């Protein structure tokens, strides 16, 4: 007789599904035995309790560096504008 169970793991919005079976489908489960299974979620980095995958973390860092670059350009332009305005007066 074949018995199949599915276990869903949730971690801060990320999910993993584990299928257990008595007929060696994914994980072989035998009666009266403890079966240890490792479940991997694609968590690369956790910031303030929110897990990020590698690509989400990479996008976050890219957006951060672009934001810092744009703020720097704006500050330089503002400084040059103030100098030009002061020289015009």
PDB file of N, CA and C in Angstrom:
ATOM      1  N   UNK A   1       0.843  -1.170   0.000  1.00  0.00           N
ATOM      2  CA  UNK A   1       0.000   0.000   0.000  1.00  0.00           C
ATOM      3  C   UNK A   1       0.897   1.245   0.000  1.00  0.00           C
ATOM      4  N   UNK A   2       0.558   2.166  -0.858  1.00  0.00           N
ATOM      5  CA  UNK A   2       1.358   3.375  -0.998  1.00  0.00           C
ATOM      6  C   UNK A   2       0.689   4.524  -0.252  1.00  0.00           C
ATOM      7  N   UNK A   3       1.458   5.146   0.633  1.00  0.00           N
ATOM      8  CA  UNK A   3       0.973   6.318   1.338  1.00  0.00           C
ATOM      9  C   UNK A   3       1.891   7.486   1.016  1.00  0.00           C
ATOM     10  N   UNK A   4       1.291   8.614   0.744  1.00  0.00           N
ATOM     11  CA  UNK A   4       2.057   9.803   0.382  1.00  0.00           C
ATOM     12  C   UNK A   4       1.595  10.953   1.267  1.00  0.00           C
ATOM     13  N   UNK A   5       2.579  11.711   1.790  1.00  0.00           N
ATOM     14  CA  UNK A   5       2.301  12.888   2.599  1.00  0.00           C
ATOM     15  C   UNK A   5       3.067  14.060   2.016  1.00  0.00           C
ATOM     16  N   UNK A   6       2.489  15.200   2.127  1.00  0.00           N
ATOM     17  CA  UNK A   6       3.170  16.423   1.712  1.00  0.00           C
ATOM     18  C   UNK A   6       3.287  17.345   2.910  1.00  0.00           C
ATOM     19  N   UNK A   7       4.451  17.891   3.101  1.00  0.00           N
ATOM     20  CA  UNK A   7       4.683  18.830   4.192  1.00  0.00           C
ATOM     21  C   UNK A   7       5.162  20.144   3.582  1.00  0.00           C
ATOM     22  N   UNK A   8       4.500  21.210   3.977  1.00  0.00           N
ATOM     23  CA  UNK A   8       4.847  22.531   3.465  1.00  0.00           C
ATOM     24  C   UNK A   8       5.544  23.318   4.570  1.00  0.00           C
ATOM     25  N   UNK A   9       6.743  23.808   4.267  1.00  0.00           N
ATOM     26  CA  UNK A   9       7.516  24.599   5.212  1.00  0.00           C
ATOM     27  C   UNK A   9       7.412  26.070   4.821  1.00  0.00           C
ATOM     28  N   UNK A  10       7.114  26.908   5.785  1.00  0.00           N
ATOM     29  CA  UNK A  10       7.020  28.350   5.547  1.00  0.00           C
ATOM     30  C   UNK A  10       8.063  29.061   6.397  1.00  0.00           C
ATOM     31  N   UNK A  11       8.760  30.013   5.773  1.00  0.00           N
ATOM     32  CA  UNK A  11       9.729  30.826   6.505  1.00  0.00           C
ATOM     33  C   UNK A  11       9.674  32.241   5.949  1.00  0.00           C
ATOM     34  N   UNK A  12       9.010  33.107   6.655  1.00  0.00           N
ATOM     35  CA  UNK A  12       8.920  34.524   6.283  1.00  0.00           C
ATOM     36  C   UNK A  12       8.505  34.724   4.823  1.00  0.00           C
ATOM     37  N   UNK A  13       7.531  34.016   4.372  1.00  0.00           N
ATOM     38  CA  UNK A  13       7.045  34.178   3.009  1.00  0.00           C
ATOM     39  C   UNK A  13       7.660  33.221   1.998  1.00  0.00           C
ATOM     40  N   UNK A  14       8.741  32.557   2.321  1.00  0.00           N
ATOM     41  CA  UNK A  14       9.341  31.563   1.428  1.00  0.00           C
ATOM     42  C   UNK A  14       8.787  30.190   1.786  1.00  0.00           C
ATOM     43  N   UNK A  15       8.526  29.379   0.782  1.00  0.00           N
ATOM     44  CA  UNK A  15       7.945  28.056   1.040  1.00  0.00           C
ATOM     45  C   UNK A  15       8.795  26.965   0.414  1.00  0.00           C
ATOM     46  N   UNK A  16       8.725  25.808   1.022  1.00  0.00           N
ATOM     47  CA  UNK A  16       9.355  24.606   0.474  1.00  0.00           C
ATOM     48  C   UNK A  16       8.367  23.465   0.685  1.00  0.00           C
ATOM     49  N   UNK A  17       8.218  22.613  -0.310  1.00  0.00           N
ATOM     50  CA  UNK A  17       7.303  21.480  -0.224  1.00  0.00           C
ATOM     51  C   UNK A  17       8.114  20.193  -0.203  1.00  0.00           C
ATOM     52  N   UNK A  18       7.835  19.359   0.760  1.00  0.00           N
ATOM     53  CA  UNK A  18       8.521  18.081   0.899  1.00  0.00           C
ATOM     54  C   UNK A  18       7.493  16.974   0.749  1.00  0.00           C
ATOM     55  N   UNK A  19       7.766  16.033  -0.134  1.00  0.00           N
ATOM     56  CA  UNK A  19       6.854  14.908  -0.361  1.00  0.00           C
ATOM     57  C   UNK A  19       7.447  13.679   0.298  1.00  0.00           C
ATOM     58  N   UNK A  20       6.684  13.064   1.179  1.00  0.00           N
ATOM     59  CA  UNK A  20       7.105  11.842   1.859  1.00  0.00           C
ATOM     60  C   UNK A  20       6.267  10.681   1.340  1.00  0.00           C
ATOM     61  N   UNK A  21       6.893   9.541   1.151  1.00  0.00           N
ATOM     62  CA  UNK A  21       6.186   8.382   0.613  1.00  0.00           C
ATOM     63  C   UNK A  21       6.716   7.112   1.258  1.00  0.00           C
ATOM     64  N   UNK A  22       5.875   6.087   1.274  1.00  0.00           N
ATOM     65  CA  UNK A  22       6.323   4.793   1.780  1.00  0.00           C
ATOM     66  C   UNK A  22       6.994   3.980   0.687  1.00  0.00           C
ATOM     67  N   UNK A  23       6.914   4.442  -0.559  1.00  0.00           N
ATOM     68  CA  UNK A  23       7.517   3.703  -1.667  1.00  0.00           C
ATOM     69  C   UNK A  23       8.688   4.453  -2.301  1.00  0.00           C
ATOM     70  N   UNK A  24       9.513   5.023  -1.488  1.00  0.00           N
ATOM     71  CA  UNK A  24      10.771   5.619  -1.943  1.00  0.00           C
ATOM     72  C   UNK A  24      10.585   6.575  -3.110  1.00  0.00           C
ATOM     73  N   UNK A  25       9.595   7.446  -3.030  1.00  0.00           N
ATOM     74  CA  UNK A  25       9.354   8.423  -4.087  1.00  0.00           C
ATOM     75  C   UNK A  25      10.388   9.555  -3.981  1.00  0.00           C
ATOM     76  N   UNK A  26      10.318  10.314  -2.939  1.00  0.00           N
ATOM     77  CA  UNK A  26      11.308  11.358  -2.699  1.00  0.00           C
ATOM     78  C   UNK A  26      12.080  11.050  -1.428  1.00  0.00           C
ATOM     79  N   UNK A  27      11.346  10.768  -0.359  1.00  0.00           N
ATOM     80  CA  UNK A  27      11.951  10.394   0.912  1.00  0.00           C
ATOM     81  C   UNK A  27      11.294   9.102   1.346  1.00  0.00           C
ATOM     82  N   UNK A  28      12.083   8.112   1.627  1.00  0.00           N
ATOM     83  CA  UNK A  28      11.542   6.819   2.041  1.00  0.00           C
ATOM     84  C   UNK A  28      11.204   6.853   3.530  1.00  0.00           C
ATOM     85  N   UNK A  29       9.933   6.615   3.844  1.00  0.00           N
ATOM     86  CA  UNK A  29       9.467   6.626   5.221  1.00  0.00           C
ATOM     87  C   UNK A  29       9.092   5.198   5.605  1.00  0.00           C
ATOM     88  N   UNK A  30       9.666   4.720   6.692  1.00  0.00           N
ATOM     89  CA  UNK A  30       9.345   3.377   7.170  1.00  0.00           C
ATOM     90  C   UNK A  30       8.636   3.513   8.502  1.00  0.00           C
ATOM     91  N   UNK A  31       7.750   2.601   8.774  1.00  0.00           N
ATOM     92  CA  UNK A  31       6.994   2.688  10.020  1.00  0.00           C
ATOM     93  C   UNK A  31       7.897   2.486  11.225  1.00  0.00           C
ATOM     94  N   UNK A  32       7.578   3.165  12.296  1.00  0.00           N
ATOM     95  CA  UNK A  32       8.288   3.090  13.569  1.00  0.00           C
ATOM     96  C   UNK A  32       9.744   3.555  13.473  1.00  0.00           C
ATOM     97  N   UNK A  33      10.067   4.361  12.476  1.00  0.00           N
ATOM     98  CA  UNK A  33      11.422   4.874  12.317  1.00  0.00           C
ATOM     99  C   UNK A  33      11.395   6.391  12.198  1.00  0.00           C
ATOM    100  N   UNK A  34      12.381   7.023  12.764  1.00  0.00           N
ATOM    101  CA  UNK A  34      12.510   8.468  12.626  1.00  0.00           C
ATOM    102  C   UNK A  34      13.325   8.747  11.367  1.00  0.00           C
ATOM    103  N   UNK A  35      12.779   9.559  10.506  1.00  0.00           N
ATOM    104  CA  UNK A  35      13.463   9.911   9.270  1.00  0.00           C
ATOM    105  C   UNK A  35      13.864  11.376   9.329  1.00  0.00           C
ATOM    106  N   UNK A  36      15.137  11.644   9.115  1.00  0.00           N
ATOM    107  CA  UNK A  36      15.628  13.022   9.137  1.00  0.00           C
ATOM    108  C   UNK A  36      15.801  13.510   7.706  1.00  0.00           C
ATOM    109  N   UNK A  37      15.232  14.663   7.436  1.00  0.00           N
ATOM    110  CA  UNK A  37      15.295  15.235   6.097  1.00  0.00           C
ATOM    111  C   UNK A  37      15.734  16.688   6.219  1.00  0.00           C
ATOM    112  N   UNK A  38      16.683  17.095   5.390  1.00  0.00           N
ATOM    113  CA  UNK A  38      17.107  18.491   5.370  1.00  0.00           C
ATOM    114  C   UNK A  38      16.326  19.223   4.287  1.00  0.00           C
ATOM    115  N   UNK A  39      15.787  20.350   4.667  1.00  0.00           N
ATOM    116  CA  UNK A  39      15.029  21.177   3.734  1.00  0.00           C
ATOM    117  C   UNK A  39      15.805  22.465   3.529  1.00  0.00           C
ATOM    118  N   UNK A  40      16.039  22.829   2.261  1.00  0.00           N
ATOM    119  CA  UNK A  40      16.783  24.048   1.956  1.00  0.00           C
ATOM    120  C   UNK A  40      15.841  25.062   1.331  1.00  0.00           C
ATOM    121  N   UNK A  41      15.898  26.267   1.858  1.00  0.00           N
ATOM    122  CA  UNK A  41      15.183  27.384   1.273  1.00  0.00           C
ATOM    123  C   UNK A  41      16.217  28.324   0.660  1.00  0.00           C
ATOM    124  N   UNK A  42      15.844  29.040  -0.387  1.00  0.00           N
ATOM    125  CA  UNK A  42      16.829  29.879  -1.083  1.00  0.00           C
ATOM    126  C   UNK A  42      17.143  31.188  -0.366  1.00  0.00           C
ATOM    127  N   UNK A  43      17.395  31.125   0.930  1.00  0.00           N
ATOM    128  CA  UNK A  43      17.706  32.339   1.690  1.00  0.00           C
ATOM    129  C   UNK A  43      19.206  32.590   1.594  1.00  0.00           C
ATOM    130  N   UNK A  44      19.563  33.766   1.110  1.00  0.00           N
ATOM    131  CA  UNK A  44      20.968  34.131   0.977  1.00  0.00           C
ATOM    132  C   UNK A  44      21.397  35.061   2.095  1.00  0.00           C
ATOM    133  N   UNK A  45      20.512  35.982   2.470  1.00  0.00           N
ATOM    134  CA  UNK A  45      20.855  36.994   3.455  1.00  0.00           C
ATOM    135  C   UNK A  45      19.578  37.448   4.137  1.00  0.00           C
ATOM    136  N   UNK A  46      19.653  37.752   5.429  1.00  0.00           N
ATOM    137  CA  UNK A  46      18.491  38.242   6.167  1.00  0.00           C
ATOM    138  C   UNK A  46      18.810  39.639   6.682  1.00  0.00           C
ATOM    139  N   UNK A  47      17.971  40.611   6.300  1.00  0.00           N
ATOM    140  CA  UNK A  47      18.141  41.999   6.730  1.00  0.00           C
ATOM    141  C   UNK A  47      16.863  42.411   7.449  1.00  0.00           C
ATOM    142  N   UNK A  48      17.001  42.801   8.715  1.00  0.00           N
ATOM    143  CA  UNK A  48      15.872  43.225   9.539  1.00  0.00           C
ATOM    144  C   UNK A  48      14.747  42.189   9.553  1.00  0.00           C
ATOM    145  N   UNK A  49      15.105  40.929   9.601  1.00  0.00           N
ATOM    146  CA  UNK A  49      14.114  39.864   9.698  1.00  0.00           C
ATOM    147  C   UNK A  49      13.471  39.472   8.384  1.00  0.00           C
ATOM    148  N   UNK A  50      13.862  40.085   7.283  1.00  0.00           N
ATOM    149  CA  UNK A  50      13.297  39.736   5.984  1.00  0.00           C
ATOM    150  C   UNK A  50      14.334  38.945   5.190  1.00  0.00           C
ATOM    151  N   UNK A  51      13.994  37.724   4.783  1.00  0.00           N
ATOM    152  CA  UNK A  51      14.954  36.918   4.017  1.00  0.00           C
ATOM    153  C   UNK A  51      15.008  37.359   2.557  1.00  0.00           C
ATOM    154  N   UNK A  52      16.213  37.374   2.004  1.00  0.00           N
ATOM    155  CA  UNK A  52      16.422  37.720   0.606  1.00  0.00           C
ATOM    156  C   UNK A  52      17.109  36.560  -0.095  1.00  0.00           C
ATOM    157  N   UNK A  53      16.668  36.268  -1.327  1.00  0.00           N
ATOM    158  CA  UNK A  53      17.399  35.323  -2.161  1.00  0.00           C
ATOM    159  C   UNK A  53      18.619  36.061  -2.717  1.00  0.00           C
ATOM    160  N   UNK A  54      19.487  35.346  -3.395  1.00  0.00           N
ATOM    161  CA  UNK A  54      20.693  35.964  -3.933  1.00  0.00           C
ATOM    162  C   UNK A  54      20.348  37.099  -4.891  1.00  0.00           C
ATOM    163  N   UNK A  55      19.395  36.858  -5.796  1.00  0.00           N
ATOM    164  CA  UNK A  55      19.056  37.856  -6.811  1.00  0.00           C
ATOM    165  C   UNK A  55      18.341  39.056  -6.199  1.00  0.00           C
ATOM    166  N   UNK A  56      17.509  38.829  -5.192  1.00  0.00           N
ATOM    167  CA  UNK A  56      16.870  39.958  -4.506  1.00  0.00           C
ATOM    168  C   UNK A  56      17.918  40.802  -3.776  1.00  0.00           C
ATOM    169  N   UNK A  57      18.868  40.154  -3.133  1.00  0.00           N
ATOM    170  CA  UNK A  57      19.943  40.868  -2.432  1.00  0.00           C
ATOM    171  C   UNK A  57      20.797  41.656  -3.420  1.00  0.00           C
ATOM    172  N   UNK A  58      21.120  41.044  -4.547  1.00  0.00           N
ATOM    173  CA  UNK A  58      21.913  41.723  -5.575  1.00  0.00           C
ATOM    174  C   UNK A  58      21.162  42.942  -6.115  1.00  0.00           C
ATOM    175  N   UNK A  59      19.866  42.816  -6.353  1.00  0.00           N
ATOM    176  CA  UNK A  59      19.062  43.937  -6.833  1.00  0.00           C
ATOM    177  C   UNK A  59      18.988  45.042  -5.784  1.00  0.00           C
ATOM    178  N   UNK A  60      18.871  44.665  -4.519  1.00  0.00           N
ATOM    179  CA  UNK A  60      18.829  45.650  -3.437  1.00  0.00           C
ATOM    180  C   UNK A  60      20.139  46.428  -3.352  1.00  0.00           C
ATOM    181  N   UNK A  61      21.262  45.742  -3.441  1.00  0.00           N
ATOM    182  CA  UNK A  61      22.558  46.420  -3.378  1.00  0.00           C
ATOM    183  C   UNK A  61      22.769  47.311  -4.604  1.00  0.00           C
ATOM    184  N   UNK A  62      22.359  46.848  -5.778  1.00  0.00           N
ATOM    185  CA  UNK A  62      22.479  47.660  -6.994  1.00  0.00           C
ATOM    186  C   UNK A  62      21.640  48.924  -6.871  1.00  0.00           C
ATOM    187  N   UNK A  63      20.410  48.785  -6.396  1.00  0.00           N
ATOM    188  CA  UNK A  63      19.543  49.956  -6.215  1.00  0.00           C
ATOM    189  C   UNK A  63      20.145  50.925  -5.198  1.00  0.00           C
ATOM    190  N   UNK A  64      20.732  50.391  -4.134  1.00  0.00           N
ATOM    191  CA  UNK A  64      21.367  51.246  -3.125  1.00  0.00           C
ATOM    192  C   UNK A  64      22.521  52.049  -3.725  1.00  0.00           C
ATOM    193  N   UNK A  65      23.393  51.395  -4.502  1.00  0.00           N
ATOM    194  CA  UNK A  65      24.530  52.096  -5.093  1.00  0.00           C
ATOM    195  C   UNK A  65      24.082  53.113  -6.138  1.00  0.00           C
ATOM    196  N   UNK A  66      23.051  52.808  -6.905  1.00  0.00           N
ATOM    197  CA  UNK A  66      22.522  53.772  -7.869  1.00  0.00           C
ATOM    198  C   UNK A  66      21.951  54.983  -7.137  1.00  0.00           C
ATOM    199  N   UNK A  67      21.244  54.752  -6.039  1.00  0.00           N
ATOM    200  CA  UNK A  67      20.684  55.841  -5.247  1.00  0.00           C
ATOM    201  C   UNK A  67      21.790  56.732  -4.674  1.00  0.00           C
ATOM    202  N   UNK A  68      22.837  56.130  -4.147  1.00  0.00           N
ATOM    203  CA  UNK A  68      23.960  56.905  -3.610  1.00  0.00           C
ATOM    204  C   UNK A  68      24.621  57.720  -4.721  1.00  0.00           C
ATOM    205  N   UNK A  69      24.784  57.125  -5.897  1.00  0.00           N
ATOM    206  CA  UNK A  69      25.379  57.830  -7.031  1.00  0.00           C
ATOM    207  C   UNK A  69      24.521  59.018  -7.444  1.00  0.00           C
ATOM    208  N   UNK A  70      23.204  58.816  -7.539  1.00  0.00           N
ATOM    209  CA  UNK A  70      22.304  59.907  -7.940  1.00  0.00           C
ATOM    210  C   UNK A  70      22.291  61.037  -6.916  1.00  0.00           C
ATOM    211  N   UNK A  71      22.305  60.707  -5.638  1.00  0.00           N
ATOM    212  CA  UNK A  71      22.354  61.742  -4.605  1.00  0.00           C
ATOM    213  C   UNK A  71      23.661  62.525  -4.706  1.00  0.00           C
ATOM    214  N   UNK A  72      24.767  61.844  -4.964  1.00  0.00           N
ATOM    215  CA  UNK A  72      26.057  62.525  -5.150  1.00  0.00           C
ATOM    216  C   UNK A  72      26.034  63.466  -6.329  1.00  0.00           C
ATOM    217  N   UNK A  73      25.474  63.016  -7.450  1.00  0.00           N
ATOM    218  CA  UNK A  73      25.383  63.877  -8.634  1.00  0.00           C
ATOM    219  C   UNK A  73      24.502  65.087  -8.342  1.00  0.00           C
ATOM    220  N   UNK A  74      23.384  64.872  -7.678  1.00  0.00           N
ATOM    221  CA  UNK A  74      22.500  65.990  -7.331  1.00  0.00           C
ATOM    222  C   UNK A  74      23.188  66.992  -6.410  1.00  0.00           C
ATOM    223  N   UNK A  75      23.943  66.519  -5.444  1.00  0.00           N
ATOM    224  CA  UNK A  75      24.665  67.426  -4.549  1.00  0.00           C
ATOM    225  C   UNK A  75      25.719  68.235  -5.293  1.00  0.00           C
ATOM    226  N   UNK A  76      26.435  67.619  -6.209  1.00  0.00           N
ATOM    227  CA  UNK A  76      27.446  68.330  -6.999  1.00  0.00           C
ATOM    228  C   UNK A  76      26.787  69.382  -7.890  1.00  0.00           C
ATOM    229  N   UNK A  77      25.689  68.988  -8.550  1.00  0.00           N
ATOM    230  CA  UNK A  77      24.982  69.938  -9.410  1.00  0.00           C
ATOM    231  C   UNK A  77      24.429  71.107  -8.602  1.00  0.00           C
ATOM    232  N   UNK A  78      23.903  70.826  -7.433  1.00  0.00           N
ATOM    233  CA  UNK A  78      23.370  71.893  -6.578  1.00  0.00           C
ATOM    234  C   UNK A  78      24.488  72.844  -6.148  1.00  0.00           C
ATOM    235  N   UNK A  79      25.632  72.301  -5.804  1.00  0.00           N
ATOM    236  CA  UNK A  79      26.767  73.138  -5.408  1.00  0.00           C
ATOM    237  C   UNK A  79      27.226  74.019  -6.568  1.00  0.00           C
ATOM    238  N   UNK A  80      27.313  73.454  -7.788  1.00  0.00           N
ATOM    239  CA  UNK A  80      27.711  74.242  -8.955  1.00  0.00           C
ATOM    240  C   UNK A  80      26.674  75.304  -9.271  1.00  0.00           C
ATOM    241  N   UNK A  81      25.404  74.986  -9.118  1.00  0.00           N
ATOM    242  CA  UNK A  81      24.346  75.955  -9.353  1.00  0.00           C
ATOM    243  C   UNK A  81      24.450  77.117  -8.370  1.00  0.00           C
ATOM    244  N   UNK A  82      24.745  76.806  -7.113  1.00  0.00           N
ATOM    245  CA  UNK A  82      24.897  77.866  -6.103  1.00  0.00           C
ATOM    246  C   UNK A  82      26.103  78.750  -6.414  1.00  0.00           C
ATOM    247  N   UNK A  83      27.207  78.141  -6.883  1.00  0.00           N
ATOM    248  CA  UNK A  83      28.393  78.924  -7.241  1.00  0.00           C
ATOM    249  C   UNK A  83      28.083  79.834  -8.412  1.00  0.00           C
ATOM    250  N   UNK A  84      27.414  79.324  -9.456  1.00  0.00           N
ATOM    251  CA  UNK A  84      27.063  80.133 -10.616  1.00  0.00           C
ATOM    252  C   UNK A  84      26.129  81.277 -10.225  1.00  0.00           C
ATOM    253  N   UNK A  85      25.188  80.983  -9.347  1.00  0.00           N
ATOM    254  CA  UNK A  85      24.239  81.997  -8.899  1.00  0.00           C
ATOM    255  C   UNK A  85      24.953  83.089  -8.093  1.00  0.00           C
ATOM    256  N   UNK A  86      25.920  82.665  -7.266  1.00  0.00           N
ATOM    257  CA  UNK A  86      26.668  83.635  -6.458  1.00  0.00           C
ATOM    258  C   UNK A  86      27.549  84.520  -7.346  1.00  0.00           C
ATOM    259  N   UNK A  87      28.136  83.953  -8.411  1.00  0.00           N
ATOM    260  CA  UNK A  87      28.993  84.727  -9.310  1.00  0.00           C
ATOM    261  C   UNK A  87      28.186  85.691 -10.163  1.00  0.00           C
ATOM    262  N   UNK A  88      26.947  85.347 -10.481  1.00  0.00           N
ATOM    263  CA  UNK A  88      26.086  86.188 -11.275  1.00  0.00           C
ATOM    264  C   UNK A  88      25.649  87.448 -10.530  1.00  0.00           C
ATOM    265  N   UNK A  89      25.573  87.363  -9.213  1.00  0.00           N
ATOM    266  CA  UNK A  89      25.112  88.491  -8.402  1.00  0.00           C
ATOM    267  C   UNK A  89      26.155  89.564  -8.234  1.00  0.00           C
TER     268      UNK A  89
END
